[in-house]
Amino acid sequence: MKNQVSIIVVFLVLAVLSQSVKVIPEGRTGVIFNLKGGVQENALGEGLHFLIPFMQTLVVFDTRIITYSFSNNVDDETRLGEPIVAKTQDGQIVGIEASIVTQMIKDQAPQVYQTLRTDYEPVLKSKIGKIMQEIIAKHVADALYTDETRRKVTAELSESLSVSFKQSGFELKDVFLRKIDFSKEYIDAIERKQIALQKAQLAQIKKAIAVKEKQIEIIKGEAIAKQVEIKGRAIQANPRVAELEYLDRIEQSEKKVPVIMGLRGNTFVNLDKMLP
């Protein structure tokens, strides 16, 4: 009987110790809930803590930096759901894969427990989806193709989420827009638009080339006319110019010109019959 009592006492002592001695691991924060006073205002840090058995309950929160991803990749370490579906300003439906990096503010852990209890992830998911949809609705689909607009969307999302998260006791660390998927119909329309644009640009280039070629022909014609005019003036001023030019043409011709020797050794060439 005495042994049985001793065993019971040992179990009671162990039960009391298990309720009174708690260890908060590294990267966590503790919140104490009192049966009489409710949630204790001050959060507990890492290490060993003593509680009043059966009167106080310890709730531990993860205060490490966590990345929440919205994607189709099932290998993501922390995944809140599928890509966020949003509608652009011009009515196009897009699917957005994003990663949100956040951390619970240690000092605000008691407030998080009072307002959200331990099931706070659905609240964060709702905030992210709503704000993302509001921001995407400000931009047209075509603009989301550009890096400049994506940077702008990321900045707007970061600013809005930072304010909203802080109200819930979380600090936003970073935002990543990993991918924006468009509907197949929209992608096909974009491709047709690009092809039409390329054809229009090619037509403009051909037109510009034709204009340049015409200008070159006009310049050539003007140069030839100017050359003829100069030669005409030179011949009028000195008839010997025409003879010299004629002889030059003969010299450049591949035909052999027969030479007729005169009685006194003079050379006579019938130029009119030798050249066409």
C-alpha atoms as a PDB file:
ATOM      1  CA  MET A   1       0.000   0.000   0.000  1.00  0.00           C
ATOM      2  CA  LYS A   2       2.820   2.348   0.913  1.00  0.00           C
ATOM      3  CA  ASN A   3       4.507   1.659  -2.415  1.00  0.00           C
ATOM      4  CA  GLN A   4       1.334   2.431  -4.305  1.00  0.00           C
ATOM      5  CA  VAL A   5       1.000   5.742  -2.488  1.00  0.00           C
ATOM      6  CA  SER A   6       4.605   6.580  -3.312  1.00  0.00           C
ATOM      7  CA  ILE A   7       4.030   5.839  -6.983  1.00  0.00           C
ATOM      8  CA  ILE A   8       0.933   8.036  -7.025  1.00  0.00           C
ATOM      9  CA  VAL A   9       2.838  10.854  -5.355  1.00  0.00           C
ATOM     10  CA  VAL A  10       5.627  10.567  -7.925  1.00  0.00           C
ATOM     11  CA  PHE A  11       3.120  10.737 -10.789  1.00  0.00           C
ATOM     12  CA  LEU A  12       1.467  13.762  -9.218  1.00  0.00           C
ATOM     13  CA  VAL A  13       4.806  15.498  -8.819  1.00  0.00           C
ATOM     14  CA  LEU A  14       5.709  14.739 -12.447  1.00  0.00           C
ATOM     15  CA  ALA A  15       2.342  16.012 -13.596  1.00  0.00           C
ATOM     16  CA  VAL A  16       2.809  19.228 -11.671  1.00  0.00           C
ATOM     17  CA  LEU A  17       6.329  19.666 -13.021  1.00  0.00           C
ATOM     18  CA  SER A  18       5.154  19.062 -16.572  1.00  0.00           C
ATOM     19  CA  GLN A  19       2.582  21.807 -16.108  1.00  0.00           C
ATOM     20  CA  SER A  20       4.889  24.235 -14.339  1.00  0.00           C
ATOM     21  CA  VAL A  21       8.158  23.898 -16.260  1.00  0.00           C
ATOM     22  CA  LYS A  22       8.134  24.830 -19.955  1.00  0.00           C
ATOM     23  CA  VAL A  23      10.915  25.317 -22.477  1.00  0.00           C
ATOM     24  CA  ILE A  24      10.533  27.728 -25.395  1.00  0.00           C
ATOM     25  CA  PRO A  25      12.781  26.637 -28.302  1.00  0.00           C
ATOM     26  CA  GLU A  26      15.024  28.936 -30.298  1.00  0.00           C
ATOM     27  CA  GLY A  27      13.193  31.096 -32.803  1.00  0.00           C
ATOM     28  CA  ARG A  28       9.901  30.900 -30.877  1.00  0.00           C
ATOM     29  CA  THR A  29       7.976  33.184 -28.556  1.00  0.00           C
ATOM     30  CA  GLY A  30       5.622  32.215 -25.759  1.00  0.00           C
ATOM     31  CA  VAL A  31       2.274  33.664 -24.735  1.00  0.00           C
ATOM     32  CA  ILE A  32       0.746  32.839 -21.339  1.00  0.00           C
ATOM     33  CA  PHE A  33      -2.997  32.411 -20.969  1.00  0.00           C
ATOM     34  CA  ASN A  34      -4.348  32.702 -17.385  1.00  0.00           C
ATOM     35  CA  LEU A  35      -7.663  31.103 -16.512  1.00  0.00           C
ATOM     36  CA  LYS A  36      -8.587  34.182 -14.486  1.00  0.00           C
ATOM     37  CA  GLY A  37      -6.790  37.106 -16.122  1.00  0.00           C
ATOM     38  CA  GLY A  38      -6.799  36.038 -19.755  1.00  0.00           C
ATOM     39  CA  VAL A  39      -3.798  36.653 -22.041  1.00  0.00           C
ATOM     40  CA  GLN A  40      -0.685  37.969 -20.335  1.00  0.00           C
ATOM     41  CA  GLU A  41       0.567  41.189 -21.948  1.00  0.00           C
ATOM     42  CA  ASN A  42       4.266  40.345 -22.017  1.00  0.00           C
ATOM     43  CA  ALA A  43       5.603  37.701 -24.411  1.00  0.00           C
ATOM     44  CA  LEU A  44       8.121  35.134 -23.175  1.00  0.00           C
ATOM     45  CA  GLY A  45      11.492  34.695 -24.845  1.00  0.00           C
ATOM     46  CA  GLU A  46      13.481  31.552 -25.550  1.00  0.00           C
ATOM     47  CA  GLY A  47      14.541  29.313 -22.651  1.00  0.00           C
ATOM     48  CA  LEU A  48      13.138  27.780 -19.437  1.00  0.00           C
ATOM     49  CA  HIS A  49       9.993  29.214 -17.843  1.00  0.00           C
ATOM     50  CA  PHE A  50       7.883  28.343 -14.764  1.00  0.00           C
ATOM     51  CA  LEU A  51       4.089  28.484 -14.860  1.00  0.00           C
ATOM     52  CA  ILE A  52       1.407  28.102 -12.240  1.00  0.00           C
ATOM     53  CA  PRO A  53       0.171  24.544 -12.735  1.00  0.00           C
ATOM     54  CA  PHE A  54      -3.356  24.157 -14.097  1.00  0.00           C
ATOM     55  CA  MET A  55      -3.826  27.957 -13.961  1.00  0.00           C
ATOM     56  CA  GLN A  56      -1.558  29.090 -16.756  1.00  0.00           C
ATOM     57  CA  THR A  57      -1.242  27.694 -20.288  1.00  0.00           C
ATOM     58  CA  LEU A  58       1.706  28.369 -22.568  1.00  0.00           C
ATOM     59  CA  VAL A  59       1.084  28.990 -26.284  1.00  0.00           C
ATOM     60  CA  VAL A  60       4.203  28.967 -28.473  1.00  0.00           C
ATOM     61  CA  PHE A  61       4.446  30.960 -31.711  1.00  0.00           C
ATOM     62  CA  ASP A  62       7.042  30.606 -34.462  1.00  0.00           C
ATOM     63  CA  THR A  63       8.827  33.958 -34.800  1.00  0.00           C
ATOM     64  CA  ARG A  64      11.360  32.896 -37.413  1.00  0.00           C
ATOM     65  CA  ILE A  65      11.346  34.368 -40.923  1.00  0.00           C
ATOM     66  CA  ILE A  66       8.900  32.365 -43.032  1.00  0.00           C
ATOM     67  CA  THR A  67       8.239  32.387 -46.783  1.00  0.00           C
ATOM     68  CA  TYR A  68       4.655  31.831 -47.895  1.00  0.00           C
ATOM     69  CA  SER A  69       4.321  30.820 -51.540  1.00  0.00           C
ATOM     70  CA  PHE A  70       1.370  30.831 -53.906  1.00  0.00           C
ATOM     71  CA  SER A  71       2.336  28.470 -56.695  1.00  0.00           C
ATOM     72  CA  ASN A  72       1.751  25.203 -58.509  1.00  0.00           C
ATOM     73  CA  ASN A  73       5.052  23.863 -57.209  1.00  0.00           C
ATOM     74  CA  VAL A  74       4.257  21.275 -54.542  1.00  0.00           C
ATOM     75  CA  ASP A  75       7.918  21.233 -53.489  1.00  0.00           C
ATOM     76  CA  ASP A  76       7.722  24.704 -51.961  1.00  0.00           C
ATOM     77  CA  GLU A  77       8.612  24.491 -48.270  1.00  0.00           C
ATOM     78  CA  THR A  78       5.780  26.714 -47.103  1.00  0.00           C
ATOM     79  CA  ARG A  79       2.805  26.924 -49.438  1.00  0.00           C
ATOM     80  CA  LEU A  80      -0.379  28.819 -48.721  1.00  0.00           C
ATOM     81  CA  GLY A  81      -2.163  27.847 -51.892  1.00  0.00           C
ATOM     82  CA  GLU A  82      -2.519  27.904 -55.654  1.00  0.00           C
ATOM     83  CA  PRO A  83      -1.512  30.942 -57.758  1.00  0.00           C
ATOM     84  CA  ILE A  84      -3.627  34.009 -57.010  1.00  0.00           C
ATOM     85  CA  VAL A  85      -6.270  34.638 -59.680  1.00  0.00           C
ATOM     86  CA  ALA A  86      -6.838  38.310 -60.499  1.00  0.00           C
ATOM     87  CA  LYS A  87      -8.454  40.431 -63.202  1.00  0.00           C
ATOM     88  CA  THR A  88      -6.596  43.227 -64.991  1.00  0.00           C
ATOM     89  CA  GLN A  89      -7.987  46.679 -65.739  1.00  0.00           C
ATOM     90  CA  ASP A  90      -8.934  45.541 -69.260  1.00  0.00           C
ATOM     91  CA  GLY A  91     -10.697  42.406 -68.015  1.00  0.00           C
ATOM     92  CA  GLN A  92      -8.006  39.776 -68.621  1.00  0.00           C
ATOM     93  CA  ILE A  93      -7.708  36.920 -66.100  1.00  0.00           C
ATOM     94  CA  VAL A  94      -4.173  36.222 -64.866  1.00  0.00           C
ATOM     95  CA  GLY A  95      -2.671  33.709 -62.460  1.00  0.00           C
ATOM     96  CA  ILE A  96       0.086  35.077 -60.233  1.00  0.00           C
ATOM     97  CA  GLU A  97       2.755  32.994 -58.540  1.00  0.00           C
ATOM     98  CA  ALA A  98       4.285  34.940 -55.672  1.00  0.00           C
ATOM     99  CA  SER A  99       6.340  34.468 -52.529  1.00  0.00           C
ATOM    100  CA  ILE A 100       5.790  36.593 -49.434  1.00  0.00           C
ATOM    101  CA  VAL A 101       8.525  36.691 -46.800  1.00  0.00           C
ATOM    102  CA  THR A 102       7.286  37.670 -43.318  1.00  0.00           C
ATOM    103  CA  GLN A 103       7.988  37.345 -39.615  1.00  0.00           C
ATOM    104  CA  MET A 104       5.815  37.635 -36.521  1.00  0.00           C
ATOM    105  CA  ILE A 105       6.785  40.592 -34.347  1.00  0.00           C
ATOM    106  CA  LYS A 106       7.800  39.025 -31.002  1.00  0.00           C
ATOM    107  CA  ASP A 107       6.406  41.774 -28.771  1.00  0.00           C
ATOM    108  CA  GLN A 108       3.048  41.555 -30.540  1.00  0.00           C
ATOM    109  CA  ALA A 109       2.602  37.811 -30.081  1.00  0.00           C
ATOM    110  CA  PRO A 110       0.043  38.324 -27.250  1.00  0.00           C
ATOM    111  CA  GLN A 111      -2.037  40.605 -29.515  1.00  0.00           C
ATOM    112  CA  VAL A 112      -1.819  38.029 -32.332  1.00  0.00           C
ATOM    113  CA  TYR A 113      -3.155  35.378 -29.954  1.00  0.00           C
ATOM    114  CA  GLN A 114      -5.973  37.629 -28.743  1.00  0.00           C
ATOM    115  CA  THR A 115      -7.173  38.526 -32.244  1.00  0.00           C
ATOM    116  CA  LEU A 116      -6.224  35.545 -34.410  1.00  0.00           C
ATOM    117  CA  ARG A 117      -5.441  32.764 -31.917  1.00  0.00           C
ATOM    118  CA  THR A 118      -3.030  30.282 -33.493  1.00  0.00           C
ATOM    119  CA  ASP A 119      -4.815  29.949 -36.811  1.00  0.00           C
ATOM    120  CA  TYR A 120      -3.417  33.115 -38.393  1.00  0.00           C
ATOM    121  CA  GLU A 121      -2.229  31.754 -41.747  1.00  0.00           C
ATOM    122  CA  PRO A 122      -5.686  31.861 -43.404  1.00  0.00           C
ATOM    123  CA  VAL A 123      -5.899  35.536 -42.398  1.00  0.00           C
ATOM    124  CA  LEU A 124      -2.531  36.275 -44.010  1.00  0.00           C
ATOM    125  CA  LYS A 125      -3.594  34.371 -47.121  1.00  0.00           C
ATOM    126  CA  SER A 126      -6.779  36.408 -47.366  1.00  0.00           C
ATOM    127  CA  LYS A 127      -4.863  39.692 -47.003  1.00  0.00           C
ATOM    128  CA  ILE A 128      -2.359  38.726 -49.702  1.00  0.00           C
ATOM    129  CA  GLY A 129      -5.043  37.622 -52.174  1.00  0.00           C
ATOM    130  CA  LYS A 130      -7.223  40.683 -51.674  1.00  0.00           C
ATOM    131  CA  ILE A 131      -4.419  43.218 -51.960  1.00  0.00           C
ATOM    132  CA  MET A 132      -2.928  41.444 -54.977  1.00  0.00           C
ATOM    133  CA  GLN A 133      -6.275  41.558 -56.794  1.00  0.00           C
ATOM    134  CA  GLU A 134      -6.719  45.256 -55.985  1.00  0.00           C
ATOM    135  CA  ILE A 135      -3.298  46.143 -57.370  1.00  0.00           C
ATOM    136  CA  ILE A 136      -3.550  44.031 -60.528  1.00  0.00           C
ATOM    137  CA  ALA A 137      -6.910  45.672 -61.267  1.00  0.00           C
ATOM    138  CA  LYS A 138      -5.058  49.004 -61.699  1.00  0.00           C
ATOM    139  CA  HIS A 139      -2.968  47.754 -64.639  1.00  0.00           C
ATOM    140  CA  VAL A 140      -3.756  46.560 -68.160  1.00  0.00           C
ATOM    141  CA  ALA A 141      -2.615  43.098 -69.223  1.00  0.00           C
ATOM    142  CA  ASP A 142      -0.180  44.327 -71.890  1.00  0.00           C
ATOM    143  CA  ALA A 143       1.746  46.328 -69.294  1.00  0.00           C
ATOM    144  CA  LEU A 144       2.254  43.275 -67.080  1.00  0.00           C
ATOM    145  CA  TYR A 145       4.538  41.882 -69.779  1.00  0.00           C
ATOM    146  CA  THR A 146       7.090  44.621 -69.081  1.00  0.00           C
ATOM    147  CA  ASP A 147       9.707  44.506 -66.329  1.00  0.00           C
ATOM    148  CA  GLU A 148       8.979  48.119 -65.425  1.00  0.00           C
ATOM    149  CA  THR A 149       5.320  47.407 -64.620  1.00  0.00           C
ATOM    150  CA  ARG A 150       6.203  44.249 -62.682  1.00  0.00           C
ATOM    151  CA  ARG A 151       8.609  46.236 -60.545  1.00  0.00           C
ATOM    152  CA  LYS A 152       5.865  48.791 -59.980  1.00  0.00           C
ATOM    153  CA  VAL A 153       3.350  46.076 -59.007  1.00  0.00           C
ATOM    154  CA  THR A 154       5.905  44.570 -56.608  1.00  0.00           C
ATOM    155  CA  ALA A 155       6.505  47.972 -54.980  1.00  0.00           C
ATOM    156  CA  GLU A 156       2.767  48.647 -54.617  1.00  0.00           C
ATOM    157  CA  LEU A 157       2.174  45.167 -53.206  1.00  0.00           C
ATOM    158  CA  SER A 158       5.040  45.554 -50.750  1.00  0.00           C
ATOM    159  CA  GLU A 159       3.761  48.912 -49.511  1.00  0.00           C
ATOM    160  CA  SER A 160       0.160  47.758 -49.023  1.00  0.00           C
ATOM    161  CA  LEU A 161       1.044  44.405 -47.452  1.00  0.00           C
ATOM    162  CA  SER A 162       3.514  46.040 -45.078  1.00  0.00           C
ATOM    163  CA  VAL A 163       0.778  48.216 -43.587  1.00  0.00           C
ATOM    164  CA  SER A 164      -1.794  45.405 -43.465  1.00  0.00           C
ATOM    165  CA  PHE A 165       0.597  42.854 -41.954  1.00  0.00           C
ATOM    166  CA  LYS A 166       1.768  45.246 -39.256  1.00  0.00           C
ATOM    167  CA  GLN A 167      -1.840  45.714 -38.150  1.00  0.00           C
ATOM    168  CA  SER A 168      -1.983  41.960 -37.560  1.00  0.00           C
ATOM    169  CA  GLY A 169       1.361  41.762 -35.744  1.00  0.00           C
ATOM    170  CA  PHE A 170       3.636  40.717 -38.609  1.00  0.00           C
ATOM    171  CA  GLU A 171       6.557  42.391 -40.358  1.00  0.00           C
ATOM    172  CA  LEU A 172       6.819  42.090 -44.128  1.00  0.00           C
ATOM    173  CA  LYS A 173      10.375  41.243 -45.167  1.00  0.00           C
ATOM    174  CA  ASP A 174      10.125  40.892 -48.936  1.00  0.00           C
ATOM    175  CA  VAL A 175       7.829  40.248 -51.907  1.00  0.00           C
ATOM    176  CA  PHE A 176       8.660  38.250 -55.029  1.00  0.00           C
ATOM    177  CA  LEU A 177       6.504  38.099 -58.156  1.00  0.00           C
ATOM    178  CA  ARG A 178       7.709  34.795 -59.520  1.00  0.00           C
ATOM    179  CA  LYS A 179       5.435  34.365 -62.528  1.00  0.00           C
ATOM    180  CA  ILE A 180       2.355  35.831 -64.210  1.00  0.00           C
ATOM    181  CA  ASP A 181       0.349  33.433 -66.374  1.00  0.00           C
ATOM    182  CA  PHE A 182      -2.095  34.686 -68.996  1.00  0.00           C
ATOM    183  CA  SER A 183      -4.936  32.790 -70.625  1.00  0.00           C
ATOM    184  CA  LYS A 184      -4.199  30.875 -73.841  1.00  0.00           C
ATOM    185  CA  GLU A 185      -6.639  33.072 -75.776  1.00  0.00           C
ATOM    186  CA  TYR A 186      -4.824  36.200 -74.642  1.00  0.00           C
ATOM    187  CA  ILE A 187      -1.376  34.772 -75.478  1.00  0.00           C
ATOM    188  CA  ASP A 188      -2.620  33.822 -78.973  1.00  0.00           C
ATOM    189  CA  ALA A 189      -3.959  37.348 -79.432  1.00  0.00           C
ATOM    190  CA  ILE A 190      -0.614  38.821 -78.351  1.00  0.00           C
ATOM    191  CA  GLU A 191       1.253  36.612 -80.827  1.00  0.00           C
ATOM    192  CA  ARG A 192      -1.044  37.687 -83.670  1.00  0.00           C
ATOM    193  CA  LYS A 193      -0.549  41.299 -82.661  1.00  0.00           C
ATOM    194  CA  GLN A 194       3.240  40.872 -82.639  1.00  0.00           C
ATOM    195  CA  ILE A 195       3.217  39.262 -86.089  1.00  0.00           C
ATOM    196  CA  ALA A 196       1.074  42.084 -87.489  1.00  0.00           C
ATOM    197  CA  LEU A 197       3.415  44.640 -85.897  1.00  0.00           C
ATOM    198  CA  GLN A 198       6.481  42.973 -87.394  1.00  0.00           C
ATOM    199  CA  LYS A 199       4.865  42.946 -90.848  1.00  0.00           C
ATOM    200  CA  ALA A 200       4.001  46.624 -90.524  1.00  0.00           C
ATOM    201  CA  GLN A 201       7.567  47.428 -89.454  1.00  0.00           C
ATOM    202  CA  LEU A 202       8.955  45.431 -92.407  1.00  0.00           C
ATOM    203  CA  ALA A 203       6.678  47.330 -94.801  1.00  0.00           C
ATOM    204  CA  GLN A 204       7.925  50.630 -93.354  1.00  0.00           C
ATOM    205  CA  ILE A 205      11.540  49.524 -93.819  1.00  0.00           C
ATOM    206  CA  LYS A 206      10.902  48.517 -97.454  1.00  0.00           C
ATOM    207  CA  LYS A 207       9.196  51.832 -98.087  1.00  0.00           C
ATOM    208  CA  ALA A 208      12.128  53.736 -96.588  1.00  0.00           C
ATOM    209  CA  ILE A 209      14.583  51.749 -98.765  1.00  0.00           C
ATOM    210  CA  ALA A 210      12.530  52.500-101.889  1.00  0.00           C
ATOM    211  CA  VAL A 211      12.531  56.220-101.046  1.00  0.00           C
ATOM    212  CA  LYS A 212      16.321  56.160-100.551  1.00  0.00           C
ATOM    213  CA  GLU A 213      16.866  54.320-103.861  1.00  0.00           C
ATOM    214  CA  LYS A 214      14.711  56.863-105.672  1.00  0.00           C
ATOM    215  CA  GLN A 215      16.691  59.704-104.107  1.00  0.00           C
ATOM    216  CA  ILE A 216      19.946  58.047-105.233  1.00  0.00           C
ATOM    217  CA  GLU A 217      18.664  57.708-108.816  1.00  0.00           C
ATOM    218  CA  ILE A 218      17.632  61.355-108.815  1.00  0.00           C
ATOM    219  CA  ILE A 219      21.091  62.386-107.569  1.00  0.00           C
ATOM    220  CA  LYS A 220      22.760  60.215-110.236  1.00  0.00           C
ATOM    221  CA  GLY A 221      20.586  61.734-112.950  1.00  0.00           C
ATOM    222  CA  GLU A 222      21.356  65.237-111.749  1.00  0.00           C
ATOM    223  CA  ALA A 223      25.086  64.399-111.715  1.00  0.00           C
ATOM    224  CA  ILE A 224      24.996  63.074-115.310  1.00  0.00           C
ATOM    225  CA  ALA A 225      23.056  66.105-116.503  1.00  0.00           C
ATOM    226  CA  LYS A 226      25.561  68.384-114.791  1.00  0.00           C
ATOM    227  CA  GLN A 227      28.439  66.488-116.416  1.00  0.00           C
ATOM    228  CA  VAL A 228      26.875  66.837-119.876  1.00  0.00           C
ATOM    229  CA  GLU A 229      26.293  70.530-119.260  1.00  0.00           C
ATOM    230  CA  ILE A 230      29.922  71.058-118.272  1.00  0.00           C
ATOM    231  CA  LYS A 231      31.199  69.186-121.335  1.00  0.00           C
ATOM    232  CA  GLY A 232      28.909  71.197-123.607  1.00  0.00           C
ATOM    233  CA  ARG A 233      30.265  74.432-122.248  1.00  0.00           C
ATOM    234  CA  ALA A 234      33.841  73.177-122.632  1.00  0.00           C
ATOM    235  CA  ILE A 235      33.271  72.193-126.294  1.00  0.00           C
ATOM    236  CA  GLN A 236      31.705  75.546-127.059  1.00  0.00           C
ATOM    237  CA  ALA A 237      34.683  77.273-125.503  1.00  0.00           C
ATOM    238  CA  ASN A 238      37.297  75.037-127.224  1.00  0.00           C
ATOM    239  CA  PRO A 239      36.344  72.621-130.104  1.00  0.00           C
ATOM    240  CA  ARG A 240      39.590  70.667-129.532  1.00  0.00           C
ATOM    241  CA  VAL A 241      37.975  69.218-126.373  1.00  0.00           C
ATOM    242  CA  ALA A 242      35.612  67.119-128.522  1.00  0.00           C
ATOM    243  CA  GLU A 243      38.514  65.762-130.591  1.00  0.00           C
ATOM    244  CA  LEU A 244      40.459  64.801-127.478  1.00  0.00           C
ATOM    245  CA  GLU A 245      37.462  63.053-125.962  1.00  0.00           C
ATOM    246  CA  TYR A 246      36.905  61.176-129.225  1.00  0.00           C
ATOM    247  CA  LEU A 247      40.505  59.999-129.263  1.00  0.00           C
ATOM    248  CA  ASP A 248      40.171  58.920-125.656  1.00  0.00           C
ATOM    249  CA  ARG A 249      37.180  56.766-126.580  1.00  0.00           C
ATOM    250  CA  ILE A 250      39.185  55.133-129.357  1.00  0.00           C
ATOM    251  CA  GLU A 251      42.056  54.430-126.978  1.00  0.00           C
ATOM    252  CA  GLN A 252      39.711  52.764-124.493  1.00  0.00           C
ATOM    253  CA  SER A 253      38.036  50.680-127.245  1.00  0.00           C
ATOM    254  CA  GLU A 254      39.091  47.024-127.621  1.00  0.00           C
ATOM    255  CA  LYS A 255      38.892  47.285-131.436  1.00  0.00           C
ATOM    256  CA  LYS A 256      42.107  47.615-133.483  1.00  0.00           C
ATOM    257  CA  VAL A 257      42.177  50.830-135.482  1.00  0.00           C
ATOM    258  CA  PRO A 258      43.887  50.548-138.919  1.00  0.00           C
ATOM    259  CA  VAL A 259      46.344  53.341-139.677  1.00  0.00           C
ATOM    260  CA  ILE A 260      46.771  54.668-143.240  1.00  0.00           C
ATOM    261  CA  MET A 261      50.160  56.156-144.013  1.00  0.00           C
ATOM    262  CA  GLY A 262      50.313  59.161-146.368  1.00  0.00           C
ATOM    263  CA  LEU A 263      52.754  59.656-149.231  1.00  0.00           C
ATOM    264  CA  ARG A 264      54.877  61.956-147.158  1.00  0.00           C
ATOM    265  CA  GLY A 265      54.799  59.861-143.993  1.00  0.00           C
ATOM    266  CA  ASN A 266      51.775  61.606-142.564  1.00  0.00           C
ATOM    267  CA  THR A 267      49.258  59.469-140.689  1.00  0.00           C
ATOM    268  CA  PHE A 268      45.569  59.637-141.538  1.00  0.00           C
ATOM    269  CA  VAL A 269      42.913  57.887-139.473  1.00  0.00           C
ATOM    270  CA  ASN A 270      39.323  57.647-140.632  1.00  0.00           C
ATOM    271  CA  LEU A 271      37.776  58.098-137.162  1.00  0.00           C
ATOM    272  CA  ASP A 272      34.182  58.199-138.417  1.00  0.00           C
ATOM    273  CA  LYS A 273      34.325  54.656-139.814  1.00  0.00           C
ATOM    274  CA  MET A 274      36.235  53.047-136.972  1.00  0.00           C
ATOM    275  CA  LEU A 275      33.852  53.769-134.141  1.00  0.00           C
ATOM    276  CA  PRO A 276      30.204  52.845-134.118  1.00  0.00           C
END
